[in-house]
PDB file of N, CA and C in Angstrom:
ATOM      1  N   MET A   1      21.047   0.815  14.398  1.00  0.00           N
ATOM      2  CA  MET A   1      19.227   0.727  14.362  1.00  0.00           C
ATOM      3  C   MET A   1      19.099  -0.263  13.207  1.00  0.00           C
ATOM      4  N   THR A   2      17.915  -0.866  13.558  1.00  0.00           N
ATOM      5  CA  THR A   2      17.751  -1.984  12.640  1.00  0.00           C
ATOM      6  C   THR A   2      16.819  -1.701  11.423  1.00  0.00           C
ATOM      7  N   LYS A   3      17.385  -2.198  10.101  1.00  0.00           N
ATOM      8  CA  LYS A   3      16.843  -2.090   8.700  1.00  0.00           C
ATOM      9  C   LYS A   3      15.228  -2.678   8.508  1.00  0.00           C
ATOM     10  N   ASP A   4      14.727  -1.966   7.941  1.00  0.00           N
ATOM     11  CA  ASP A   4      13.603  -2.503   7.573  1.00  0.00           C
ATOM     12  C   ASP A   4      13.701  -3.240   6.502  1.00  0.00           C
ATOM     13  N   HIS A   5      13.652  -4.776   6.360  1.00  0.00           N
ATOM     14  CA  HIS A   5      14.116  -5.619   5.239  1.00  0.00           C
ATOM     15  C   HIS A   5      12.658  -5.786   4.477  1.00  0.00           C
ATOM     16  N   GLY A   6      11.875  -5.242   4.412  1.00  0.00           N
ATOM     17  CA  GLY A   6      10.235  -5.280   3.682  1.00  0.00           C
ATOM     18  C   GLY A   6       9.330  -6.230   4.243  1.00  0.00           C
ATOM     19  N   PRO A   7       8.117  -6.370   3.940  1.00  0.00           N
ATOM     20  CA  PRO A   7       7.029  -7.059   3.973  1.00  0.00           C
ATOM     21  C   PRO A   7       7.337  -8.514   4.300  1.00  0.00           C
ATOM     22  N   THR A   8       8.277  -9.226   3.348  1.00  0.00           N
ATOM     23  CA  THR A   8       8.358 -10.373   3.612  1.00  0.00           C
ATOM     24  C   THR A   8       9.380 -11.025   5.101  1.00  0.00           C
ATOM     25  N   ILE A   9      10.100 -10.105   5.590  1.00  0.00           N
ATOM     26  CA  ILE A   9      11.047 -10.197   6.800  1.00  0.00           C
ATOM     27  C   ILE A   9       9.830  -9.906   8.151  1.00  0.00           C
ATOM     28  N   LYS A  10       9.378 -10.922   9.081  1.00  0.00           N
ATOM     29  CA  LYS A  10       8.474 -10.244   9.867  1.00  0.00           C
ATOM     30  C   LYS A  10       8.857  -9.735  11.333  1.00  0.00           C
ATOM     31  N   SER A  11      10.351 -10.062  11.376  1.00  0.00           N
ATOM     32  CA  SER A  11      11.000  -9.748  12.605  1.00  0.00           C
ATOM     33  C   SER A  11      12.565  -9.299  12.196  1.00  0.00           C
ATOM     34  N   ASP A  12      12.605  -7.934  11.639  1.00  0.00           N
ATOM     35  CA  ASP A  12      13.982  -7.619  11.220  1.00  0.00           C
ATOM     36  C   ASP A  12      14.854  -7.820  12.211  1.00  0.00           C
ATOM     37  N   LYS A  13      14.810  -7.606  13.679  1.00  0.00           N
ATOM     38  CA  LYS A  13      15.867  -7.481  14.318  1.00  0.00           C
ATOM     39  C   LYS A  13      16.546  -9.087  14.416  1.00  0.00           C
ATOM     40  N   VAL A  14      15.793 -10.306  14.682  1.00  0.00           N
ATOM     41  CA  VAL A  14      16.183 -11.596  14.510  1.00  0.00           C
ATOM     42  C   VAL A  14      16.713 -11.954  13.115  1.00  0.00           C
ATOM     43  N   TYR A  15      16.146 -11.747  12.400  1.00  0.00           N
ATOM     44  CA  TYR A  15      16.970 -11.580  10.978  1.00  0.00           C
ATOM     45  C   TYR A  15      18.426 -11.301  10.719  1.00  0.00           C
ATOM     46  N   GLU A  16      18.521  -9.897  11.233  1.00  0.00           N
ATOM     47  CA  GLU A  16      19.837  -9.196  11.226  1.00  0.00           C
ATOM     48  C   GLU A  16      20.722  -9.876  12.173  1.00  0.00           C
ATOM     49  N   ASP A  17      20.468 -10.426  13.378  1.00  0.00           N
ATOM     50  CA  ASP A  17      20.939 -11.301  14.402  1.00  0.00           C
ATOM     51  C   ASP A  17      21.403 -12.532  13.738  1.00  0.00           C
ATOM     52  N   LEU A  18      20.608 -13.057  13.300  1.00  0.00           N
ATOM     53  CA  LEU A  18      20.789 -14.343  12.601  1.00  0.00           C
ATOM     54  C   LEU A  18      21.870 -14.382  11.450  1.00  0.00           C
ATOM     55  N   ARG A  19      21.634 -13.472  10.430  1.00  0.00           N
ATOM     56  CA  ARG A  19      22.723 -12.913   9.195  1.00  0.00           C
ATOM     57  C   ARG A  19      23.971 -12.681  10.011  1.00  0.00           C
ATOM     58  N   GLU A  20      23.874 -11.979  10.883  1.00  0.00           N
ATOM     59  CA  GLU A  20      25.423 -11.472  11.695  1.00  0.00           C
ATOM     60  C   GLU A  20      26.182 -13.053  12.194  1.00  0.00           C
ATOM     61  N   ALA A  21      25.077 -13.720  12.470  1.00  0.00           N
ATOM     62  CA  ALA A  21      25.839 -14.990  13.298  1.00  0.00           C
ATOM     63  C   ALA A  21      26.186 -16.211  12.069  1.00  0.00           C
ATOM     64  N   GLY A  22      25.783 -15.803  10.706  1.00  0.00           N
ATOM     65  CA  GLY A  22      26.415 -16.671   9.871  1.00  0.00           C
ATOM     66  C   GLY A  22      25.498 -17.402   8.686  1.00  0.00           C
ATOM     67  N   ALA A  23      24.023 -16.778   9.366  1.00  0.00           N
ATOM     68  CA  ALA A  23      22.811 -17.595   8.614  1.00  0.00           C
ATOM     69  C   ALA A  23      22.553 -17.578   7.410  1.00  0.00           C
ATOM     70  N   SER A  24      22.135 -18.125   6.520  1.00  0.00           N
ATOM     71  CA  SER A  24      22.010 -17.490   4.966  1.00  0.00           C
ATOM     72  C   SER A  24      20.973 -16.904   4.942  1.00  0.00           C
ATOM     73  N   LYS A  25      20.533 -16.009   3.946  1.00  0.00           N
ATOM     74  CA  LYS A  25      19.734 -15.122   3.901  1.00  0.00           C
ATOM     75  C   LYS A  25      18.118 -15.979   4.188  1.00  0.00           C
ATOM     76  N   GLU A  26      18.063 -17.297   3.092  1.00  0.00           N
ATOM     77  CA  GLU A  26      17.035 -17.910   3.139  1.00  0.00           C
ATOM     78  C   GLU A  26      16.414 -18.435   4.802  1.00  0.00           C
ATOM     79  N   LYS A  27      17.569 -19.130   5.399  1.00  0.00           N
ATOM     80  CA  LYS A  27      17.384 -19.632   6.622  1.00  0.00           C
ATOM     81  C   LYS A  27      17.047 -18.537   7.538  1.00  0.00           C
ATOM     82  N   ALA A  28      17.632 -17.319   7.578  1.00  0.00           N
ATOM     83  CA  ALA A  28      17.432 -16.141   8.632  1.00  0.00           C
ATOM     84  C   ALA A  28      16.038 -15.779   8.281  1.00  0.00           C
ATOM     85  N   ALA A  29      15.502 -15.630   7.063  1.00  0.00           N
ATOM     86  CA  ALA A  29      14.194 -15.391   7.167  1.00  0.00           C
ATOM     87  C   ALA A  29      13.122 -16.229   7.307  1.00  0.00           C
ATOM     88  N   ARG A  30      13.488 -17.493   7.371  1.00  0.00           N
ATOM     89  CA  ARG A  30      12.592 -18.791   7.731  1.00  0.00           C
ATOM     90  C   ARG A  30      12.536 -18.804   9.391  1.00  0.00           C
ATOM     91  N   ILE A  31      13.696 -18.338   9.762  1.00  0.00           N
ATOM     92  CA  ILE A  31      13.625 -18.394  11.430  1.00  0.00           C
ATOM     93  C   ILE A  31      12.960 -17.196  11.884  1.00  0.00           C
ATOM     94  N   ALA A  32      13.273 -16.163  11.254  1.00  0.00           N
ATOM     95  CA  ALA A  32      12.568 -14.552  11.865  1.00  0.00           C
ATOM     96  C   ALA A  32      11.177 -14.661  11.653  1.00  0.00           C
ATOM     97  N   ASN A  33      10.490 -15.319  10.121  1.00  0.00           N
ATOM     98  CA  ASN A  33       9.258 -15.234  10.368  1.00  0.00           C
ATOM     99  C   ASN A  33       8.583 -16.413  11.029  1.00  0.00           C
ATOM    100  N   ALA A  34       8.997 -17.418  11.491  1.00  0.00           N
ATOM    101  CA  ALA A  34       8.748 -18.208  12.472  1.00  0.00           C
ATOM    102  C   ALA A  34       8.723 -17.804  13.943  1.00  0.00           C
ATOM    103  N   TYR A  35       9.716 -17.130  14.272  1.00  0.00           N
ATOM    104  CA  TYR A  35       9.871 -16.399  15.420  1.00  0.00           C
ATOM    105  C   TYR A  35       8.846 -15.406  15.641  1.00  0.00           C
ATOM    106  N   ALA A  36       8.617 -14.492  14.687  1.00  0.00           N
ATOM    107  CA  ALA A  36       7.306 -13.733  14.974  1.00  0.00           C
ATOM    108  C   ALA A  36       5.956 -14.006  14.687  1.00  0.00           C
ATOM    109  N   GLY A  37       5.864 -15.189  14.101  1.00  0.00           N
ATOM    110  CA  GLY A  37       4.576 -15.640  14.256  1.00  0.00           C
ATOM    111  C   GLY A  37       4.253 -16.781  15.473  1.00  0.00           C
ATOM    112  N   GLY A  38       5.333 -17.122  16.050  1.00  0.00           N
ATOM    113  CA  GLY A  38       5.155 -17.736  17.143  1.00  0.00           C
ATOM    114  C   GLY A  38       5.275 -19.261  17.160  1.00  0.00           C
ATOM    115  N   THR A  39       5.765 -19.601  15.993  1.00  0.00           N
ATOM    116  CA  THR A  39       5.546 -20.967  15.873  1.00  0.00           C
ATOM    117  C   THR A  39       7.020 -21.968  15.541  1.00  0.00           C
ATOM    118  N   ILE A  40       8.163 -21.262  16.073  1.00  0.00           N
ATOM    119  CA  ILE A  40       9.157 -22.012  16.654  1.00  0.00           C
ATOM    120  C   ILE A  40       9.115 -23.101  17.568  1.00  0.00           C
ATOM    121  N   ASP A  41       9.729 -24.304  17.407  1.00  0.00           N
ATOM    122  CA  ASP A  41       9.479 -25.438  18.189  1.00  0.00           C
ATOM    123  C   ASP A  41      10.977 -25.566  19.146  1.00  0.00           C
ATOM    124  N   HIS A  42      11.148 -24.818  20.366  1.00  0.00           N
ATOM    125  CA  HIS A  42      12.114 -25.081  20.791  1.00  0.00           C
ATOM    126  C   HIS A  42      12.565 -26.176  21.435  1.00  0.00           C
ATOM    127  N   ASP A  43      11.763 -27.445  21.349  1.00  0.00           N
ATOM    128  CA  ASP A  43      12.327 -28.495  21.779  1.00  0.00           C
ATOM    129  C   ASP A  43      12.395 -29.560  20.635  1.00  0.00           C
ATOM    130  N   GLY A  44      13.240 -29.573  19.513  1.00  0.00           N
ATOM    131  CA  GLY A  44      12.842 -30.174  18.650  1.00  0.00           C
ATOM    132  C   GLY A  44      12.421 -31.831  18.521  1.00  0.00           C
ATOM    133  N   THR A  45      12.751 -32.517  19.798  1.00  0.00           N
ATOM    134  CA  THR A  45      12.114 -33.888  19.663  1.00  0.00           C
ATOM    135  C   THR A  45      10.635 -33.797  19.850  1.00  0.00           C
ATOM    136  N   HIS A  46      10.170 -32.746  20.025  1.00  0.00           N
ATOM    137  CA  HIS A  46       8.332 -33.008  19.799  1.00  0.00           C
ATOM    138  C   HIS A  46       8.091 -32.671  18.139  1.00  0.00           C
ATOM    139  N   LEU A  47       8.904 -33.066  17.389  1.00  0.00           N
ATOM    140  CA  LEU A  47       8.612 -32.594  15.830  1.00  0.00           C
ATOM    141  C   LEU A  47       7.894 -34.077  15.492  1.00  0.00           C
ATOM    142  N   GLU A  48       8.731 -35.364  15.728  1.00  0.00           N
ATOM    143  CA  GLU A  48       8.338 -36.795  15.765  1.00  0.00           C
ATOM    144  C   GLU A  48       6.866 -36.709  16.076  1.00  0.00           C
ATOM    145  N   ASN A  49       6.308 -35.800  17.167  1.00  0.00           N
ATOM    146  CA  ASN A  49       5.274 -36.389  18.135  1.00  0.00           C
ATOM    147  C   ASN A  49       3.945 -35.713  17.419  1.00  0.00           C
ATOM    148  N   ARG A  50       4.230 -34.527  16.402  1.00  0.00           N
ATOM    149  CA  ARG A  50       3.236 -34.014  15.456  1.00  0.00           C
ATOM    150  C   ARG A  50       2.784 -34.590  14.596  1.00  0.00           C
ATOM    151  N   SER A  51       1.675 -34.557  13.880  1.00  0.00           N
ATOM    152  CA  SER A  51       0.828 -35.003  12.998  1.00  0.00           C
ATOM    153  C   SER A  51       1.487 -34.675  11.493  1.00  0.00           C
ATOM    154  N   LYS A  52       1.232 -35.327  10.450  1.00  0.00           N
ATOM    155  CA  LYS A  52       1.767 -34.722   9.199  1.00  0.00           C
ATOM    156  C   LYS A  52       1.377 -33.274   8.894  1.00  0.00           C
ATOM    157  N   ASP A  53       0.157 -33.174   9.106  1.00  0.00           N
ATOM    158  CA  ASP A  53      -0.844 -32.098   9.107  1.00  0.00           C
ATOM    159  C   ASP A  53      -0.231 -30.751   9.723  1.00  0.00           C
ATOM    160  N   GLU A  54       0.332 -30.888  10.996  1.00  0.00           N
ATOM    161  CA  GLU A  54       0.811 -29.945  12.058  1.00  0.00           C
ATOM    162  C   GLU A  54       2.035 -29.723  11.389  1.00  0.00           C
ATOM    163  N   LEU A  55       3.110 -30.645  10.971  1.00  0.00           N
ATOM    164  CA  LEU A  55       4.025 -30.327  10.278  1.00  0.00           C
ATOM    165  C   LEU A  55       4.196 -29.947   9.158  1.00  0.00           C
ATOM    166  N   TYR A  56       3.317 -29.951   8.089  1.00  0.00           N
ATOM    167  CA  TYR A  56       2.813 -29.426   7.174  1.00  0.00           C
ATOM    168  C   TYR A  56       2.519 -27.897   7.537  1.00  0.00           C
ATOM    169  N   ASP A  57       1.623 -27.488   8.540  1.00  0.00           N
ATOM    170  CA  ASP A  57       1.331 -25.985   8.756  1.00  0.00           C
ATOM    171  C   ASP A  57       2.643 -25.478   9.037  1.00  0.00           C
ATOM    172  N   GLU A  58       3.509 -25.824   9.779  1.00  0.00           N
ATOM    173  CA  GLU A  58       4.531 -25.338  10.049  1.00  0.00           C
ATOM    174  C   GLU A  58       5.767 -25.012   9.359  1.00  0.00           C
ATOM    175  N   ALA A  59       5.753 -26.164   8.161  1.00  0.00           N
ATOM    176  CA  ALA A  59       6.634 -25.678   6.957  1.00  0.00           C
ATOM    177  C   ALA A  59       6.125 -25.033   5.982  1.00  0.00           C
ATOM    178  N   LYS A  60       4.575 -24.691   6.192  1.00  0.00           N
ATOM    179  CA  LYS A  60       4.060 -23.624   5.403  1.00  0.00           C
ATOM    180  C   LYS A  60       4.615 -22.251   5.905  1.00  0.00           C
ATOM    181  N   GLU A  61       4.325 -21.969   7.198  1.00  0.00           N
ATOM    182  CA  GLU A  61       4.424 -20.899   7.813  1.00  0.00           C
ATOM    183  C   GLU A  61       6.190 -20.288   7.719  1.00  0.00           C
ATOM    184  N   ILE A  62       6.883 -21.466   7.918  1.00  0.00           N
ATOM    185  CA  ILE A  62       8.415 -20.912   7.731  1.00  0.00           C
ATOM    186  C   ILE A  62       8.847 -20.897   6.261  1.00  0.00           C
ATOM    187  N   GLY A  63       7.784 -21.146   5.279  1.00  0.00           N
ATOM    188  CA  GLY A  63       8.402 -20.994   3.622  1.00  0.00           C
ATOM    189  C   GLY A  63       9.199 -22.033   3.353  1.00  0.00           C
ATOM    190  N   ILE A  64       8.813 -23.247   3.231  1.00  0.00           N
ATOM    191  CA  ILE A  64       9.535 -24.261   2.963  1.00  0.00           C
ATOM    192  C   ILE A  64       8.913 -24.756   1.732  1.00  0.00           C
ATOM    193  N   GLU A  65       9.897 -24.540   0.300  1.00  0.00           N
ATOM    194  CA  GLU A  65       9.106 -24.922  -0.819  1.00  0.00           C
ATOM    195  C   GLU A  65       9.305 -26.749  -0.912  1.00  0.00           C
ATOM    196  N   GLY A  66       8.282 -27.224  -1.770  1.00  0.00           N
ATOM    197  CA  GLY A  66       8.147 -28.252  -1.774  1.00  0.00           C
ATOM    198  C   GLY A  66       7.459 -29.292  -0.867  1.00  0.00           C
ATOM    199  N   ARG A  67       6.661 -28.505  -0.043  1.00  0.00           N
ATOM    200  CA  ARG A  67       6.297 -28.963   1.348  1.00  0.00           C
ATOM    201  C   ARG A  67       5.198 -30.163   1.124  1.00  0.00           C
ATOM    202  N   SER A  68       4.339 -29.880  -0.183  1.00  0.00           N
ATOM    203  CA  SER A  68       3.244 -30.993  -0.474  1.00  0.00           C
ATOM    204  C   SER A  68       3.579 -32.262  -1.083  1.00  0.00           C
ATOM    205  N   ASP A  69       4.582 -32.033  -1.379  1.00  0.00           N
ATOM    206  CA  ASP A  69       5.278 -33.383  -1.796  1.00  0.00           C
ATOM    207  C   ASP A  69       5.599 -34.290  -0.818  1.00  0.00           C
ATOM    208  N   MET A  70       6.273 -33.695   0.471  1.00  0.00           N
ATOM    209  CA  MET A  70       6.883 -34.620   1.449  1.00  0.00           C
ATOM    210  C   MET A  70       6.256 -35.252   1.900  1.00  0.00           C
ATOM    211  N   ASP A  71       6.692 -36.344   2.495  1.00  0.00           N
ATOM    212  CA  ASP A  71       6.056 -37.285   3.677  1.00  0.00           C
ATOM    213  C   ASP A  71       6.412 -36.540   5.336  1.00  0.00           C
ATOM    214  N   LYS A  72       5.895 -37.325   6.218  1.00  0.00           N
ATOM    215  CA  LYS A  72       6.341 -36.826   7.492  1.00  0.00           C
ATOM    216  C   LYS A  72       7.754 -36.742   7.536  1.00  0.00           C
ATOM    217  N   ASP A  73       8.622 -37.786   7.517  1.00  0.00           N
ATOM    218  CA  ASP A  73      10.079 -37.475   7.762  1.00  0.00           C
ATOM    219  C   ASP A  73      10.673 -36.328   6.945  1.00  0.00           C
ATOM    220  N   GLN A  74      10.181 -36.404   5.763  1.00  0.00           N
ATOM    221  CA  GLN A  74      11.025 -35.356   5.100  1.00  0.00           C
ATOM    222  C   GLN A  74      10.553 -33.746   5.233  1.00  0.00           C
ATOM    223  N   LEU A  75       9.309 -33.574   6.050  1.00  0.00           N
ATOM    224  CA  LEU A  75       8.742 -32.506   6.566  1.00  0.00           C
ATOM    225  C   LEU A  75       9.793 -32.248   7.924  1.00  0.00           C
ATOM    226  N   ILE A  76       9.861 -33.277   8.777  1.00  0.00           N
ATOM    227  CA  ILE A  76      10.771 -32.977   9.998  1.00  0.00           C
ATOM    228  C   ILE A  76      12.066 -32.854   9.450  1.00  0.00           C
ATOM    229  N   LYS A  77      12.392 -33.301   8.588  1.00  0.00           N
ATOM    230  CA  LYS A  77      14.119 -33.111   7.854  1.00  0.00           C
ATOM    231  C   LYS A  77      14.154 -31.380   7.360  1.00  0.00           C
ATOM    232  N   ALA A  78      13.279 -31.083   6.798  1.00  0.00           N
ATOM    233  CA  ALA A  78      13.307 -29.915   6.090  1.00  0.00           C
ATOM    234  C   ALA A  78      13.155 -28.707   7.163  1.00  0.00           C
ATOM    235  N   ILE A  79      12.083 -28.983   8.309  1.00  0.00           N
ATOM    236  CA  ILE A  79      11.936 -28.110   9.170  1.00  0.00           C
ATOM    237  C   ILE A  79      13.482 -27.734  10.235  1.00  0.00           C
ATOM    238  N   ARG A  80      14.144 -28.702  10.343  1.00  0.00           N
ATOM    239  CA  ARG A  80      15.285 -28.978  11.153  1.00  0.00           C
ATOM    240  C   ARG A  80      16.548 -28.408  10.327  1.00  0.00           C
ATOM    241  N   LYS A  81      16.369 -28.454   8.975  1.00  0.00           N
ATOM    242  CA  LYS A  81      17.331 -27.890   7.878  1.00  0.00           C
ATOM    243  C   LYS A  81      18.178 -26.619   8.481  1.00  0.00           C
ATOM    244  N   ASP A  82      19.651 -27.203   8.266  1.00  0.00           N
ATOM    245  CA  ASP A  82      20.679 -25.927   8.678  1.00  0.00           C
ATOM    246  C   ASP A  82      20.662 -25.084   7.483  1.00  0.00           C
TER     247      ASP A  82
END
């Protein structure tokens, strides 16, 4: 049975699967929330084709801190962060 991880985790099942696979709590939460929000980019090569504003919005959606001070390349790196 899937636990309820509270209102900050939007997809408890995805979060639990990622944690079991070894992802950190922070990474699992970011991915689970992006998955639930439909904002996961399954083809990472497309990040370079996005505008800085689009990257900023995705970084905001998945909860990347310090995003307002990042340039486009830094946003891409943060979104892809392991």
